[in-house]
Amino acid sequence: GLRTHILVIDDGSRDGTADVARAH
């Protein structure tokens, strides 16, 4: 019954991991 919030900790990726996370 509690809303989830997702935090992706991008550990220095250079492949667009952070952009994909934000897009989702």
PDBML (XML) file of the C-alpha atoms, coordinates in Angstrom:
<?xml version="1.0" encoding="UTF-8" ?>
<PDBx:datablock datablockName="MODEL"
   xmlns:PDBx="http://pdbml.pdb.org/schema/pdbx-v50.xsd"
   xmlns:xsi="http://www.w3.org/2001/XMLSchema-instance"
   xsi:schemaLocation="http://pdbml.pdb.org/schema/pdbx-v50.xsd pdbx-v50.xsd">
   <PDBx:atom_siteCategory>
      <PDBx:atom_site id="1">
         <PDBx:B_iso_or_equiv>0.00</PDBx:B_iso_or_equiv>
         <PDBx:Cartn_x>0.000</PDBx:Cartn_x>
         <PDBx:Cartn_y>0.000</PDBx:Cartn_y>
         <PDBx:Cartn_z>0.000</PDBx:Cartn_z>
         <PDBx:auth_asym_id>A</PDBx:auth_asym_id>
         <PDBx:auth_atom_id>CA</PDBx:auth_atom_id>
         <PDBx:auth_comp_id>GLY</PDBx:auth_comp_id>
         <PDBx:auth_seq_id>1</PDBx:auth_seq_id>
         <PDBx:group_PDB>ATOM</PDBx:group_PDB>
         <PDBx:label_alt_id xsi:nil="true" />
         <PDBx:label_asym_id>A</PDBx:label_asym_id>
         <PDBx:label_atom_id>CA</PDBx:label_atom_id>
         <PDBx:label_comp_id>GLY</PDBx:label_comp_id>
         <PDBx:label_entity_id>1</PDBx:label_entity_id>
         <PDBx:label_seq_id>1</PDBx:label_seq_id>
         <PDBx:occupancy>1.00</PDBx:occupancy>
         <PDBx:pdbx_PDB_model_num>1</PDBx:pdbx_PDB_model_num>
         <PDBx:type_symbol>C</PDBx:type_symbol>
      </PDBx:atom_site>
      <PDBx:atom_site id="2">
         <PDBx:B_iso_or_equiv>0.00</PDBx:B_iso_or_equiv>
         <PDBx:Cartn_x>3.005</PDBx:Cartn_x>
         <PDBx:Cartn_y>2.339</PDBx:Cartn_y>
         <PDBx:Cartn_z>-0.108</PDBx:Cartn_z>
         <PDBx:auth_asym_id>A</PDBx:auth_asym_id>
         <PDBx:auth_atom_id>CA</PDBx:auth_atom_id>
         <PDBx:auth_comp_id>LEU</PDBx:auth_comp_id>
         <PDBx:auth_seq_id>2</PDBx:auth_seq_id>
         <PDBx:group_PDB>ATOM</PDBx:group_PDB>
         <PDBx:label_alt_id xsi:nil="true" />
         <PDBx:label_asym_id>A</PDBx:label_asym_id>
         <PDBx:label_atom_id>CA</PDBx:label_atom_id>
         <PDBx:label_comp_id>LEU</PDBx:label_comp_id>
         <PDBx:label_entity_id>1</PDBx:label_entity_id>
         <PDBx:label_seq_id>2</PDBx:label_seq_id>
         <PDBx:occupancy>1.00</PDBx:occupancy>
         <PDBx:pdbx_PDB_model_num>1</PDBx:pdbx_PDB_model_num>
         <PDBx:type_symbol>C</PDBx:type_symbol>
      </PDBx:atom_site>
      <PDBx:atom_site id="3">
         <PDBx:B_iso_or_equiv>0.00</PDBx:B_iso_or_equiv>
         <PDBx:Cartn_x>4.154</PDBx:Cartn_x>
         <PDBx:Cartn_y>4.061</PDBx:Cartn_y>
         <PDBx:Cartn_z>-3.292</PDBx:Cartn_z>
         <PDBx:auth_asym_id>A</PDBx:auth_asym_id>
         <PDBx:auth_atom_id>CA</PDBx:auth_atom_id>
         <PDBx:auth_comp_id>ARG</PDBx:auth_comp_id>
         <PDBx:auth_seq_id>3</PDBx:auth_seq_id>
         <PDBx:group_PDB>ATOM</PDBx:group_PDB>
         <PDBx:label_alt_id xsi:nil="true" />
         <PDBx:label_asym_id>A</PDBx:label_asym_id>
         <PDBx:label_atom_id>CA</PDBx:label_atom_id>
         <PDBx:label_comp_id>ARG</PDBx:label_comp_id>
         <PDBx:label_entity_id>1</PDBx:label_entity_id>
         <PDBx:label_seq_id>3</PDBx:label_seq_id>
         <PDBx:occupancy>1.00</PDBx:occupancy>
         <PDBx:pdbx_PDB_model_num>1</PDBx:pdbx_PDB_model_num>
         <PDBx:type_symbol>C</PDBx:type_symbol>
      </PDBx:atom_site>
      <PDBx:atom_site id="4">
         <PDBx:B_iso_or_equiv>0.00</PDBx:B_iso_or_equiv>
         <PDBx:Cartn_x>7.613</PDBx:Cartn_x>
         <PDBx:Cartn_y>3.099</PDBx:Cartn_y>
         <PDBx:Cartn_z>-4.521</PDBx:Cartn_z>
         <PDBx:auth_asym_id>A</PDBx:auth_asym_id>
         <PDBx:auth_atom_id>CA</PDBx:auth_atom_id>
         <PDBx:auth_comp_id>THR</PDBx:auth_comp_id>
         <PDBx:auth_seq_id>4</PDBx:auth_seq_id>
         <PDBx:group_PDB>ATOM</PDBx:group_PDB>
         <PDBx:label_alt_id xsi:nil="true" />
         <PDBx:label_asym_id>A</PDBx:label_asym_id>
         <PDBx:label_atom_id>CA</PDBx:label_atom_id>
         <PDBx:label_comp_id>THR</PDBx:label_comp_id>
         <PDBx:label_entity_id>1</PDBx:label_entity_id>
         <PDBx:label_seq_id>4</PDBx:label_seq_id>
         <PDBx:occupancy>1.00</PDBx:occupancy>
         <PDBx:pdbx_PDB_model_num>1</PDBx:pdbx_PDB_model_num>
         <PDBx:type_symbol>C</PDBx:type_symbol>
      </PDBx:atom_site>
      <PDBx:atom_site id="5">
         <PDBx:B_iso_or_equiv>0.00</PDBx:B_iso_or_equiv>
         <PDBx:Cartn_x>10.200</PDBx:Cartn_x>
         <PDBx:Cartn_y>5.597</PDBx:Cartn_y>
         <PDBx:Cartn_z>-5.722</PDBx:Cartn_z>
         <PDBx:auth_asym_id>A</PDBx:auth_asym_id>
         <PDBx:auth_atom_id>CA</PDBx:auth_atom_id>
         <PDBx:auth_comp_id>HIS</PDBx:auth_comp_id>
         <PDBx:auth_seq_id>5</PDBx:auth_seq_id>
         <PDBx:group_PDB>ATOM</PDBx:group_PDB>
         <PDBx:label_alt_id xsi:nil="true" />
         <PDBx:label_asym_id>A</PDBx:label_asym_id>
         <PDBx:label_atom_id>CA</PDBx:label_atom_id>
         <PDBx:label_comp_id>HIS</PDBx:label_comp_id>
         <PDBx:label_entity_id>1</PDBx:label_entity_id>
         <PDBx:label_seq_id>5</PDBx:label_seq_id>
         <PDBx:occupancy>1.00</PDBx:occupancy>
         <PDBx:pdbx_PDB_model_num>1</PDBx:pdbx_PDB_model_num>
         <PDBx:type_symbol>C</PDBx:type_symbol>
      </PDBx:atom_site>
      <PDBx:atom_site id="6">
         <PDBx:B_iso_or_equiv>0.00</PDBx:B_iso_or_equiv>
         <PDBx:Cartn_x>13.132</PDBx:Cartn_x>
         <PDBx:Cartn_y>4.351</PDBx:Cartn_y>
         <PDBx:Cartn_z>-7.761</PDBx:Cartn_z>
         <PDBx:auth_asym_id>A</PDBx:auth_asym_id>
         <PDBx:auth_atom_id>CA</PDBx:auth_atom_id>
         <PDBx:auth_comp_id>ILE</PDBx:auth_comp_id>
         <PDBx:auth_seq_id>6</PDBx:auth_seq_id>
         <PDBx:group_PDB>ATOM</PDBx:group_PDB>
         <PDBx:label_alt_id xsi:nil="true" />
         <PDBx:label_asym_id>A</PDBx:label_asym_id>
         <PDBx:label_atom_id>CA</PDBx:label_atom_id>
         <PDBx:label_comp_id>ILE</PDBx:label_comp_id>
         <PDBx:label_entity_id>1</PDBx:label_entity_id>
         <PDBx:label_seq_id>6</PDBx:label_seq_id>
         <PDBx:occupancy>1.00</PDBx:occupancy>
         <PDBx:pdbx_PDB_model_num>1</PDBx:pdbx_PDB_model_num>
         <PDBx:type_symbol>C</PDBx:type_symbol>
      </PDBx:atom_site>
      <PDBx:atom_site id="7">
         <PDBx:B_iso_or_equiv>0.00</PDBx:B_iso_or_equiv>
         <PDBx:Cartn_x>16.637</PDBx:Cartn_x>
         <PDBx:Cartn_y>5.727</PDBx:Cartn_y>
         <PDBx:Cartn_z>-7.337</PDBx:Cartn_z>
         <PDBx:auth_asym_id>A</PDBx:auth_asym_id>
         <PDBx:auth_atom_id>CA</PDBx:auth_atom_id>
         <PDBx:auth_comp_id>LEU</PDBx:auth_comp_id>
         <PDBx:auth_seq_id>7</PDBx:auth_seq_id>
         <PDBx:group_PDB>ATOM</PDBx:group_PDB>
         <PDBx:label_alt_id xsi:nil="true" />
         <PDBx:label_asym_id>A</PDBx:label_asym_id>
         <PDBx:label_atom_id>CA</PDBx:label_atom_id>
         <PDBx:label_comp_id>LEU</PDBx:label_comp_id>
         <PDBx:label_entity_id>1</PDBx:label_entity_id>
         <PDBx:label_seq_id>7</PDBx:label_seq_id>
         <PDBx:occupancy>1.00</PDBx:occupancy>
         <PDBx:pdbx_PDB_model_num>1</PDBx:pdbx_PDB_model_num>
         <PDBx:type_symbol>C</PDBx:type_symbol>
      </PDBx:atom_site>
      <PDBx:atom_site id="8">
         <PDBx:B_iso_or_equiv>0.00</PDBx:B_iso_or_equiv>
         <PDBx:Cartn_x>19.252</PDBx:Cartn_x>
         <PDBx:Cartn_y>4.505</PDBx:Cartn_y>
         <PDBx:Cartn_z>-9.793</PDBx:Cartn_z>
         <PDBx:auth_asym_id>A</PDBx:auth_asym_id>
         <PDBx:auth_atom_id>CA</PDBx:auth_atom_id>
         <PDBx:auth_comp_id>VAL</PDBx:auth_comp_id>
         <PDBx:auth_seq_id>8</PDBx:auth_seq_id>
         <PDBx:group_PDB>ATOM</PDBx:group_PDB>
         <PDBx:label_alt_id xsi:nil="true" />
         <PDBx:label_asym_id>A</PDBx:label_asym_id>
         <PDBx:label_atom_id>CA</PDBx:label_atom_id>
         <PDBx:label_comp_id>VAL</PDBx:label_comp_id>
         <PDBx:label_entity_id>1</PDBx:label_entity_id>
         <PDBx:label_seq_id>8</PDBx:label_seq_id>
         <PDBx:occupancy>1.00</PDBx:occupancy>
         <PDBx:pdbx_PDB_model_num>1</PDBx:pdbx_PDB_model_num>
         <PDBx:type_symbol>C</PDBx:type_symbol>
      </PDBx:atom_site>
      <PDBx:atom_site id="9">
         <PDBx:B_iso_or_equiv>0.00</PDBx:B_iso_or_equiv>
         <PDBx:Cartn_x>22.806</PDBx:Cartn_x>
         <PDBx:Cartn_y>4.999</PDBx:Cartn_y>
         <PDBx:Cartn_z>-8.582</PDBx:Cartn_z>
         <PDBx:auth_asym_id>A</PDBx:auth_asym_id>
         <PDBx:auth_atom_id>CA</PDBx:auth_atom_id>
         <PDBx:auth_comp_id>ILE</PDBx:auth_comp_id>
         <PDBx:auth_seq_id>9</PDBx:auth_seq_id>
         <PDBx:group_PDB>ATOM</PDBx:group_PDB>
         <PDBx:label_alt_id xsi:nil="true" />
         <PDBx:label_asym_id>A</PDBx:label_asym_id>
         <PDBx:label_atom_id>CA</PDBx:label_atom_id>
         <PDBx:label_comp_id>ILE</PDBx:label_comp_id>
         <PDBx:label_entity_id>1</PDBx:label_entity_id>
         <PDBx:label_seq_id>9</PDBx:label_seq_id>
         <PDBx:occupancy>1.00</PDBx:occupancy>
         <PDBx:pdbx_PDB_model_num>1</PDBx:pdbx_PDB_model_num>
         <PDBx:type_symbol>C</PDBx:type_symbol>
      </PDBx:atom_site>
      <PDBx:atom_site id="10">
         <PDBx:B_iso_or_equiv>0.00</PDBx:B_iso_or_equiv>
         <PDBx:Cartn_x>24.811</PDBx:Cartn_x>
         <PDBx:Cartn_y>5.246</PDBx:Cartn_y>
         <PDBx:Cartn_z>-11.782</PDBx:Cartn_z>
         <PDBx:auth_asym_id>A</PDBx:auth_asym_id>
         <PDBx:auth_atom_id>CA</PDBx:auth_atom_id>
         <PDBx:auth_comp_id>ASP</PDBx:auth_comp_id>
         <PDBx:auth_seq_id>10</PDBx:auth_seq_id>
         <PDBx:group_PDB>ATOM</PDBx:group_PDB>
         <PDBx:label_alt_id xsi:nil="true" />
         <PDBx:label_asym_id>A</PDBx:label_asym_id>
         <PDBx:label_atom_id>CA</PDBx:label_atom_id>
         <PDBx:label_comp_id>ASP</PDBx:label_comp_id>
         <PDBx:label_entity_id>1</PDBx:label_entity_id>
         <PDBx:label_seq_id>10</PDBx:label_seq_id>
         <PDBx:occupancy>1.00</PDBx:occupancy>
         <PDBx:pdbx_PDB_model_num>1</PDBx:pdbx_PDB_model_num>
         <PDBx:type_symbol>C</PDBx:type_symbol>
      </PDBx:atom_site>
      <PDBx:atom_site id="11">
         <PDBx:B_iso_or_equiv>0.00</PDBx:B_iso_or_equiv>
         <PDBx:Cartn_x>28.364</PDBx:Cartn_x>
         <PDBx:Cartn_y>4.235</PDBx:Cartn_y>
         <PDBx:Cartn_z>-10.926</PDBx:Cartn_z>
         <PDBx:auth_asym_id>A</PDBx:auth_asym_id>
         <PDBx:auth_atom_id>CA</PDBx:auth_atom_id>
         <PDBx:auth_comp_id>ASP</PDBx:auth_comp_id>
         <PDBx:auth_seq_id>11</PDBx:auth_seq_id>
         <PDBx:group_PDB>ATOM</PDBx:group_PDB>
         <PDBx:label_alt_id xsi:nil="true" />
         <PDBx:label_asym_id>A</PDBx:label_asym_id>
         <PDBx:label_atom_id>CA</PDBx:label_atom_id>
         <PDBx:label_comp_id>ASP</PDBx:label_comp_id>
         <PDBx:label_entity_id>1</PDBx:label_entity_id>
         <PDBx:label_seq_id>11</PDBx:label_seq_id>
         <PDBx:occupancy>1.00</PDBx:occupancy>
         <PDBx:pdbx_PDB_model_num>1</PDBx:pdbx_PDB_model_num>
         <PDBx:type_symbol>C</PDBx:type_symbol>
      </PDBx:atom_site>
      <PDBx:atom_site id="12">
         <PDBx:B_iso_or_equiv>0.00</PDBx:B_iso_or_equiv>
         <PDBx:Cartn_x>30.260</PDBx:Cartn_x>
         <PDBx:Cartn_y>6.088</PDBx:Cartn_y>
         <PDBx:Cartn_z>-13.651</PDBx:Cartn_z>
         <PDBx:auth_asym_id>A</PDBx:auth_asym_id>
         <PDBx:auth_atom_id>CA</PDBx:auth_atom_id>
         <PDBx:auth_comp_id>GLY</PDBx:auth_comp_id>
         <PDBx:auth_seq_id>12</PDBx:auth_seq_id>
         <PDBx:group_PDB>ATOM</PDBx:group_PDB>
         <PDBx:label_alt_id xsi:nil="true" />
         <PDBx:label_asym_id>A</PDBx:label_asym_id>
         <PDBx:label_atom_id>CA</PDBx:label_atom_id>
         <PDBx:label_comp_id>GLY</PDBx:label_comp_id>
         <PDBx:label_entity_id>1</PDBx:label_entity_id>
         <PDBx:label_seq_id>12</PDBx:label_seq_id>
         <PDBx:occupancy>1.00</PDBx:occupancy>
         <PDBx:pdbx_PDB_model_num>1</PDBx:pdbx_PDB_model_num>
         <PDBx:type_symbol>C</PDBx:type_symbol>
      </PDBx:atom_site>
      <PDBx:atom_site id="13">
         <PDBx:B_iso_or_equiv>0.00</PDBx:B_iso_or_equiv>
         <PDBx:Cartn_x>28.584</PDBx:Cartn_x>
         <PDBx:Cartn_y>4.538</PDBx:Cartn_y>
         <PDBx:Cartn_z>-16.702</PDBx:Cartn_z>
         <PDBx:auth_asym_id>A</PDBx:auth_asym_id>
         <PDBx:auth_atom_id>CA</PDBx:auth_atom_id>
         <PDBx:auth_comp_id>SER</PDBx:auth_comp_id>
         <PDBx:auth_seq_id>13</PDBx:auth_seq_id>
         <PDBx:group_PDB>ATOM</PDBx:group_PDB>
         <PDBx:label_alt_id xsi:nil="true" />
         <PDBx:label_asym_id>A</PDBx:label_asym_id>
         <PDBx:label_atom_id>CA</PDBx:label_atom_id>
         <PDBx:label_comp_id>SER</PDBx:label_comp_id>
         <PDBx:label_entity_id>1</PDBx:label_entity_id>
         <PDBx:label_seq_id>13</PDBx:label_seq_id>
         <PDBx:occupancy>1.00</PDBx:occupancy>
         <PDBx:pdbx_PDB_model_num>1</PDBx:pdbx_PDB_model_num>
         <PDBx:type_symbol>C</PDBx:type_symbol>
      </PDBx:atom_site>
      <PDBx:atom_site id="14">
         <PDBx:B_iso_or_equiv>0.00</PDBx:B_iso_or_equiv>
         <PDBx:Cartn_x>29.401</PDBx:Cartn_x>
         <PDBx:Cartn_y>5.918</PDBx:Cartn_y>
         <PDBx:Cartn_z>-20.135</PDBx:Cartn_z>
         <PDBx:auth_asym_id>A</PDBx:auth_asym_id>
         <PDBx:auth_atom_id>CA</PDBx:auth_atom_id>
         <PDBx:auth_comp_id>ARG</PDBx:auth_comp_id>
         <PDBx:auth_seq_id>14</PDBx:auth_seq_id>
         <PDBx:group_PDB>ATOM</PDBx:group_PDB>
         <PDBx:label_alt_id xsi:nil="true" />
         <PDBx:label_asym_id>A</PDBx:label_asym_id>
         <PDBx:label_atom_id>CA</PDBx:label_atom_id>
         <PDBx:label_comp_id>ARG</PDBx:label_comp_id>
         <PDBx:label_entity_id>1</PDBx:label_entity_id>
         <PDBx:label_seq_id>14</PDBx:label_seq_id>
         <PDBx:occupancy>1.00</PDBx:occupancy>
         <PDBx:pdbx_PDB_model_num>1</PDBx:pdbx_PDB_model_num>
         <PDBx:type_symbol>C</PDBx:type_symbol>
      </PDBx:atom_site>
      <PDBx:atom_site id="15">
         <PDBx:B_iso_or_equiv>0.00</PDBx:B_iso_or_equiv>
         <PDBx:Cartn_x>26.762</PDBx:Cartn_x>
         <PDBx:Cartn_y>3.977</PDBx:Cartn_y>
         <PDBx:Cartn_z>-22.064</PDBx:Cartn_z>
         <PDBx:auth_asym_id>A</PDBx:auth_asym_id>
         <PDBx:auth_atom_id>CA</PDBx:auth_atom_id>
         <PDBx:auth_comp_id>ASP</PDBx:auth_comp_id>
         <PDBx:auth_seq_id>15</PDBx:auth_seq_id>
         <PDBx:group_PDB>ATOM</PDBx:group_PDB>
         <PDBx:label_alt_id xsi:nil="true" />
         <PDBx:label_asym_id>A</PDBx:label_asym_id>
         <PDBx:label_atom_id>CA</PDBx:label_atom_id>
         <PDBx:label_comp_id>ASP</PDBx:label_comp_id>
         <PDBx:label_entity_id>1</PDBx:label_entity_id>
         <PDBx:label_seq_id>15</PDBx:label_seq_id>
         <PDBx:occupancy>1.00</PDBx:occupancy>
         <PDBx:pdbx_PDB_model_num>1</PDBx:pdbx_PDB_model_num>
         <PDBx:type_symbol>C</PDBx:type_symbol>
      </PDBx:atom_site>
      <PDBx:atom_site id="16">
         <PDBx:B_iso_or_equiv>0.00</PDBx:B_iso_or_equiv>
         <PDBx:Cartn_x>23.672</PDBx:Cartn_x>
         <PDBx:Cartn_y>6.080</PDBx:Cartn_y>
         <PDBx:Cartn_z>-21.341</PDBx:Cartn_z>
         <PDBx:auth_asym_id>A</PDBx:auth_asym_id>
         <PDBx:auth_atom_id>CA</PDBx:auth_atom_id>
         <PDBx:auth_comp_id>GLY</PDBx:auth_comp_id>
         <PDBx:auth_seq_id>16</PDBx:auth_seq_id>
         <PDBx:group_PDB>ATOM</PDBx:group_PDB>
         <PDBx:label_alt_id xsi:nil="true" />
         <PDBx:label_asym_id>A</PDBx:label_asym_id>
         <PDBx:label_atom_id>CA</PDBx:label_atom_id>
         <PDBx:label_comp_id>GLY</PDBx:label_comp_id>
         <PDBx:label_entity_id>1</PDBx:label_entity_id>
         <PDBx:label_seq_id>16</PDBx:label_seq_id>
         <PDBx:occupancy>1.00</PDBx:occupancy>
         <PDBx:pdbx_PDB_model_num>1</PDBx:pdbx_PDB_model_num>
         <PDBx:type_symbol>C</PDBx:type_symbol>
      </PDBx:atom_site>
      <PDBx:atom_site id="17">
         <PDBx:B_iso_or_equiv>0.00</PDBx:B_iso_or_equiv>
         <PDBx:Cartn_x>22.551</PDBx:Cartn_x>
         <PDBx:Cartn_y>4.177</PDBx:Cartn_y>
         <PDBx:Cartn_z>-18.246</PDBx:Cartn_z>
         <PDBx:auth_asym_id>A</PDBx:auth_asym_id>
         <PDBx:auth_atom_id>CA</PDBx:auth_atom_id>
         <PDBx:auth_comp_id>THR</PDBx:auth_comp_id>
         <PDBx:auth_seq_id>17</PDBx:auth_seq_id>
         <PDBx:group_PDB>ATOM</PDBx:group_PDB>
         <PDBx:label_alt_id xsi:nil="true" />
         <PDBx:label_asym_id>A</PDBx:label_asym_id>
         <PDBx:label_atom_id>CA</PDBx:label_atom_id>
         <PDBx:label_comp_id>THR</PDBx:label_comp_id>
         <PDBx:label_entity_id>1</PDBx:label_entity_id>
         <PDBx:label_seq_id>17</PDBx:label_seq_id>
         <PDBx:occupancy>1.00</PDBx:occupancy>
         <PDBx:pdbx_PDB_model_num>1</PDBx:pdbx_PDB_model_num>
         <PDBx:type_symbol>C</PDBx:type_symbol>
      </PDBx:atom_site>
      <PDBx:atom_site id="18">
         <PDBx:B_iso_or_equiv>0.00</PDBx:B_iso_or_equiv>
         <PDBx:Cartn_x>21.480</PDBx:Cartn_x>
         <PDBx:Cartn_y>7.406</PDBx:Cartn_y>
         <PDBx:Cartn_z>-16.501</PDBx:Cartn_z>
         <PDBx:auth_asym_id>A</PDBx:auth_asym_id>
         <PDBx:auth_atom_id>CA</PDBx:auth_atom_id>
         <PDBx:auth_comp_id>ALA</PDBx:auth_comp_id>
         <PDBx:auth_seq_id>18</PDBx:auth_seq_id>
         <PDBx:group_PDB>ATOM</PDBx:group_PDB>
         <PDBx:label_alt_id xsi:nil="true" />
         <PDBx:label_asym_id>A</PDBx:label_asym_id>
         <PDBx:label_atom_id>CA</PDBx:label_atom_id>
         <PDBx:label_comp_id>ALA</PDBx:label_comp_id>
         <PDBx:label_entity_id>1</PDBx:label_entity_id>
         <PDBx:label_seq_id>18</PDBx:label_seq_id>
         <PDBx:occupancy>1.00</PDBx:occupancy>
         <PDBx:pdbx_PDB_model_num>1</PDBx:pdbx_PDB_model_num>
         <PDBx:type_symbol>C</PDBx:type_symbol>
      </PDBx:atom_site>
      <PDBx:atom_site id="19">
         <PDBx:B_iso_or_equiv>0.00</PDBx:B_iso_or_equiv>
         <PDBx:Cartn_x>19.476</PDBx:Cartn_x>
         <PDBx:Cartn_y>8.566</PDBx:Cartn_y>
         <PDBx:Cartn_z>-19.532</PDBx:Cartn_z>
         <PDBx:auth_asym_id>A</PDBx:auth_asym_id>
         <PDBx:auth_atom_id>CA</PDBx:auth_atom_id>
         <PDBx:auth_comp_id>ASP</PDBx:auth_comp_id>
         <PDBx:auth_seq_id>19</PDBx:auth_seq_id>
         <PDBx:group_PDB>ATOM</PDBx:group_PDB>
         <PDBx:label_alt_id xsi:nil="true" />
         <PDBx:label_asym_id>A</PDBx:label_asym_id>
         <PDBx:label_atom_id>CA</PDBx:label_atom_id>
         <PDBx:label_comp_id>ASP</PDBx:label_comp_id>
         <PDBx:label_entity_id>1</PDBx:label_entity_id>
         <PDBx:label_seq_id>19</PDBx:label_seq_id>
         <PDBx:occupancy>1.00</PDBx:occupancy>
         <PDBx:pdbx_PDB_model_num>1</PDBx:pdbx_PDB_model_num>
         <PDBx:type_symbol>C</PDBx:type_symbol>
      </PDBx:atom_site>
      <PDBx:atom_site id="20">
         <PDBx:B_iso_or_equiv>0.00</PDBx:B_iso_or_equiv>
         <PDBx:Cartn_x>17.657</PDBx:Cartn_x>
         <PDBx:Cartn_y>5.221</PDBx:Cartn_y>
         <PDBx:Cartn_z>-19.747</PDBx:Cartn_z>
         <PDBx:auth_asym_id>A</PDBx:auth_asym_id>
         <PDBx:auth_atom_id>CA</PDBx:auth_atom_id>
         <PDBx:auth_comp_id>VAL</PDBx:auth_comp_id>
         <PDBx:auth_seq_id>20</PDBx:auth_seq_id>
         <PDBx:group_PDB>ATOM</PDBx:group_PDB>
         <PDBx:label_alt_id xsi:nil="true" />
         <PDBx:label_asym_id>A</PDBx:label_asym_id>
         <PDBx:label_atom_id>CA</PDBx:label_atom_id>
         <PDBx:label_comp_id>VAL</PDBx:label_comp_id>
         <PDBx:label_entity_id>1</PDBx:label_entity_id>
         <PDBx:label_seq_id>20</PDBx:label_seq_id>
         <PDBx:occupancy>1.00</PDBx:occupancy>
         <PDBx:pdbx_PDB_model_num>1</PDBx:pdbx_PDB_model_num>
         <PDBx:type_symbol>C</PDBx:type_symbol>
      </PDBx:atom_site>
      <PDBx:atom_site id="21">
         <PDBx:B_iso_or_equiv>0.00</PDBx:B_iso_or_equiv>
         <PDBx:Cartn_x>16.860</PDBx:Cartn_x>
         <PDBx:Cartn_y>5.364</PDBx:Cartn_y>
         <PDBx:Cartn_z>-16.029</PDBx:Cartn_z>
         <PDBx:auth_asym_id>A</PDBx:auth_asym_id>
         <PDBx:auth_atom_id>CA</PDBx:auth_atom_id>
         <PDBx:auth_comp_id>ALA</PDBx:auth_comp_id>
         <PDBx:auth_seq_id>21</PDBx:auth_seq_id>
         <PDBx:group_PDB>ATOM</PDBx:group_PDB>
         <PDBx:label_alt_id xsi:nil="true" />
         <PDBx:label_asym_id>A</PDBx:label_asym_id>
         <PDBx:label_atom_id>CA</PDBx:label_atom_id>
         <PDBx:label_comp_id>ALA</PDBx:label_comp_id>
         <PDBx:label_entity_id>1</PDBx:label_entity_id>
         <PDBx:label_seq_id>21</PDBx:label_seq_id>
         <PDBx:occupancy>1.00</PDBx:occupancy>
         <PDBx:pdbx_PDB_model_num>1</PDBx:pdbx_PDB_model_num>
         <PDBx:type_symbol>C</PDBx:type_symbol>
      </PDBx:atom_site>
      <PDBx:atom_site id="22">
         <PDBx:B_iso_or_equiv>0.00</PDBx:B_iso_or_equiv>
         <PDBx:Cartn_x>15.414</PDBx:Cartn_x>
         <PDBx:Cartn_y>8.874</PDBx:Cartn_y>
         <PDBx:Cartn_z>-16.323</PDBx:Cartn_z>
         <PDBx:auth_asym_id>A</PDBx:auth_asym_id>
         <PDBx:auth_atom_id>CA</PDBx:auth_atom_id>
         <PDBx:auth_comp_id>ARG</PDBx:auth_comp_id>
         <PDBx:auth_seq_id>22</PDBx:auth_seq_id>
         <PDBx:group_PDB>ATOM</PDBx:group_PDB>
         <PDBx:label_alt_id xsi:nil="true" />
         <PDBx:label_asym_id>A</PDBx:label_asym_id>
         <PDBx:label_atom_id>CA</PDBx:label_atom_id>
         <PDBx:label_comp_id>ARG</PDBx:label_comp_id>
         <PDBx:label_entity_id>1</PDBx:label_entity_id>
         <PDBx:label_seq_id>22</PDBx:label_seq_id>
         <PDBx:occupancy>1.00</PDBx:occupancy>
         <PDBx:pdbx_PDB_model_num>1</PDBx:pdbx_PDB_model_num>
         <PDBx:type_symbol>C</PDBx:type_symbol>
      </PDBx:atom_site>
      <PDBx:atom_site id="23">
         <PDBx:B_iso_or_equiv>0.00</PDBx:B_iso_or_equiv>
         <PDBx:Cartn_x>13.423</PDBx:Cartn_x>
         <PDBx:Cartn_y>7.895</PDBx:Cartn_y>
         <PDBx:Cartn_z>-19.416</PDBx:Cartn_z>
         <PDBx:auth_asym_id>A</PDBx:auth_asym_id>
         <PDBx:auth_atom_id>CA</PDBx:auth_atom_id>
         <PDBx:auth_comp_id>ALA</PDBx:auth_comp_id>
         <PDBx:auth_seq_id>23</PDBx:auth_seq_id>
         <PDBx:group_PDB>ATOM</PDBx:group_PDB>
         <PDBx:label_alt_id xsi:nil="true" />
         <PDBx:label_asym_id>A</PDBx:label_asym_id>
         <PDBx:label_atom_id>CA</PDBx:label_atom_id>
         <PDBx:label_comp_id>ALA</PDBx:label_comp_id>
         <PDBx:label_entity_id>1</PDBx:label_entity_id>
         <PDBx:label_seq_id>23</PDBx:label_seq_id>
         <PDBx:occupancy>1.00</PDBx:occupancy>
         <PDBx:pdbx_PDB_model_num>1</PDBx:pdbx_PDB_model_num>
         <PDBx:type_symbol>C</PDBx:type_symbol>
      </PDBx:atom_site>
      <PDBx:atom_site id="24">
         <PDBx:B_iso_or_equiv>0.00</PDBx:B_iso_or_equiv>
         <PDBx:Cartn_x>11.777</PDBx:Cartn_x>
         <PDBx:Cartn_y>5.164</PDBx:Cartn_y>
         <PDBx:Cartn_z>-17.319</PDBx:Cartn_z>
         <PDBx:auth_asym_id>A</PDBx:auth_asym_id>
         <PDBx:auth_atom_id>CA</PDBx:auth_atom_id>
         <PDBx:auth_comp_id>HIS</PDBx:auth_comp_id>
         <PDBx:auth_seq_id>24</PDBx:auth_seq_id>
         <PDBx:group_PDB>ATOM</PDBx:group_PDB>
         <PDBx:label_alt_id xsi:nil="true" />
         <PDBx:label_asym_id>A</PDBx:label_asym_id>
         <PDBx:label_atom_id>CA</PDBx:label_atom_id>
         <PDBx:label_comp_id>HIS</PDBx:label_comp_id>
         <PDBx:label_entity_id>1</PDBx:label_entity_id>
         <PDBx:label_seq_id>24</PDBx:label_seq_id>
         <PDBx:occupancy>1.00</PDBx:occupancy>
         <PDBx:pdbx_PDB_model_num>1</PDBx:pdbx_PDB_model_num>
         <PDBx:type_symbol>C</PDBx:type_symbol>
      </PDBx:atom_site>
   </PDBx:atom_siteCategory>
</PDBx:datablock>
